[in-house]
Amino acid sequence: QVQLVESGGGLVQAGGSLRLSCSASGRTANIAAMAWYRQTPGNERELVACITLVGSTNYTNSVKGRFTISRNKASDTVYLQMSALKPDDTAVYYCNAKVNDGPTRVDCWGKGTPVTVSS
């Protein structure tokens, strides 16, 4: 299938910026879309942003205007540029790939990278 490795998380002060990266390997030609999710303890994983093969993007309302998702097809890498960070953005961020597998589509996940925003 597809293997995903995230990087770029860390500790940042409120108002600061971070850029997350996700490198994909394996059957990357079967990737239909990629996304970033985040999760905090005791809560479900939530979609932050997604990008399709043709570059269409979508964001959850709380990050619109502050986060930008982009993709480098040549290197099979997806990025999440995060600006004007808030303490509420603190979470583990996971990279997701939606991969075509015959008649079905499966979700592949990275192991996550933690982001902590201090006030």
Protein backbone atom coordinates (compact mmCIF):
# COMPACT_ATOMS: atom_id res chain seq x y z
CA GLN A 1 0.00 0.00 0.00
CA VAL A 2 1.23 3.48 0.86
CA GLN A 3 3.54 4.45 3.69
CA LEU A 4 3.39 7.95 5.16
CA VAL A 5 5.96 9.70 7.33
CA GLU A 6 5.23 13.07 8.93
CA SER A 7 7.72 15.64 10.15
CA GLY A 8 7.83 19.26 11.24
CA GLY A 9 5.86 19.22 14.46
CA GLY A 10 7.11 20.88 17.62
CA LEU A 11 6.57 23.60 20.19
CA VAL A 12 5.68 27.10 19.06
CA GLN A 13 4.30 30.21 20.73
CA ALA A 14 0.84 31.48 19.92
CA GLY A 15 0.90 33.55 16.77
CA GLY A 16 3.81 31.60 15.36
CA SER A 17 4.09 29.31 12.34
CA LEU A 18 5.04 25.74 11.57
CA ARG A 19 5.18 23.70 8.39
CA LEU A 20 4.34 20.03 8.51
CA SER A 21 5.55 17.65 5.83
CA CYS A 22 4.32 14.21 4.87
CA SER A 23 6.36 12.00 2.58
CA ALA A 24 4.57 9.17 0.81
CA SER A 25 6.14 6.00 -0.55
CA GLY A 26 4.94 2.72 -2.00
CA ARG A 27 2.00 2.64 -4.38
CA THR A 28 1.76 6.41 -4.60
CA ALA A 29 0.31 6.29 -8.11
CA ASN A 30 -2.91 4.99 -6.52
CA ILE A 31 -3.34 7.97 -4.21
CA ALA A 32 -6.61 9.78 -4.91
CA ALA A 33 -6.34 12.49 -2.28
CA MET A 34 -4.30 13.44 0.74
CA ALA A 35 -5.25 15.13 3.95
CA TRP A 36 -4.17 16.26 7.38
CA TYR A 37 -6.13 15.29 10.47
CA ARG A 38 -5.54 16.14 14.10
CA GLN A 39 -6.47 14.57 17.39
CA THR A 40 -6.38 15.61 21.03
CA PRO A 41 -6.70 13.23 24.00
CA GLY A 42 -10.22 11.96 24.49
CA ASN A 43 -11.45 13.34 21.18
CA GLU A 44 -12.03 11.91 17.76
CA ARG A 45 -9.64 12.56 14.95
CA GLU A 46 -10.84 15.56 12.93
CA LEU A 47 -10.15 16.58 9.36
CA VAL A 48 -8.05 19.74 9.11
CA ALA A 49 -7.43 20.05 5.38
CA CYS A 50 -7.47 17.92 2.26
CA ILE A 51 -6.21 18.19 -1.29
CA THR A 52 -7.24 16.21 -4.38
CA LEU A 53 -5.22 15.06 -7.36
CA VAL A 54 -6.24 18.14 -9.31
CA GLY A 55 -5.34 20.45 -6.46
CA SER A 56 -8.75 21.22 -5.03
CA THR A 57 -8.53 21.99 -1.34
CA ASN A 58 -10.87 22.06 1.59
CA TYR A 59 -10.40 23.20 5.17
CA THR A 60 -12.20 22.92 8.44
CA ASN A 61 -13.67 26.28 9.41
CA SER A 62 -11.40 26.83 12.38
CA VAL A 63 -8.24 26.92 10.25
CA LYS A 64 -9.47 28.76 7.15
CA GLY A 65 -7.25 31.71 6.37
CA ARG A 66 -4.48 30.41 8.65
CA PHE A 67 -3.50 27.01 7.25
CA THR A 68 -2.57 26.08 3.70
CA ILE A 69 -2.30 22.55 2.33
CA SER A 70 -0.17 21.91 -0.73
CA ARG A 71 1.26 18.95 -2.58
CA ASN A 72 4.41 18.29 -4.55
CA LYS A 73 3.50 15.44 -6.88
CA ALA A 74 7.07 14.97 -8.08
CA SER A 75 8.27 14.13 -4.60
CA ASP A 76 4.99 12.64 -3.32
CA THR A 77 5.02 15.08 -0.44
CA VAL A 78 2.14 17.02 1.09
CA TYR A 79 2.61 20.05 3.30
CA LEU A 80 0.56 21.89 5.86
CA GLN A 81 1.68 25.47 6.38
CA MET A 82 0.24 26.66 9.67
CA SER A 83 0.27 30.35 10.60
CA ALA A 84 -1.24 32.46 13.36
CA LEU A 85 -1.26 29.38 15.53
CA LYS A 86 -3.49 29.25 18.58
CA PRO A 87 -3.33 27.07 21.70
CA ASP A 88 -6.46 25.31 20.40
CA ASP A 89 -4.37 24.04 17.48
CA THR A 90 -2.39 21.88 19.89
CA ALA A 91 -2.81 18.26 18.81
CA VAL A 92 -1.14 15.31 17.17
CA TYR A 93 -1.34 15.86 13.43
CA TYR A 94 -1.73 12.85 11.16
CA CYS A 95 -1.15 12.56 7.45
CA ASN A 96 -3.77 10.60 5.52
CA ALA A 97 -3.84 9.22 2.01
CA LYS A 98 -6.96 7.91 0.32
CA VAL A 99 -5.72 5.13 -1.90
CA ASN A 100 -7.57 3.41 -4.70
CA ASP A 101 -7.46 -0.35 -4.22
CA GLY A 102 -9.39 -2.00 -7.02
CA PRO A 103 -13.08 -1.24 -6.53
CA THR A 104 -12.54 0.22 -3.10
CA ARG A 105 -10.69 3.10 -1.49
CA VAL A 106 -8.67 2.64 1.67
CA ASP A 107 -7.24 5.05 4.20
CA CYS A 108 -3.53 4.98 4.96
CA TRP A 109 -2.15 6.84 7.98
CA GLY A 110 1.14 8.11 9.24
CA LYS A 111 2.16 7.78 12.87
CA GLY A 112 1.55 11.45 13.60
CA THR A 113 3.61 14.45 14.62
CA PRO A 114 2.80 16.47 17.75
CA VAL A 115 2.19 20.20 17.64
CA THR A 116 2.09 22.21 20.85
CA VAL A 117 1.13 25.88 20.82
CA SER A 118 1.89 27.73 24.03
CA SER A 119 -0.03 30.81 25.12
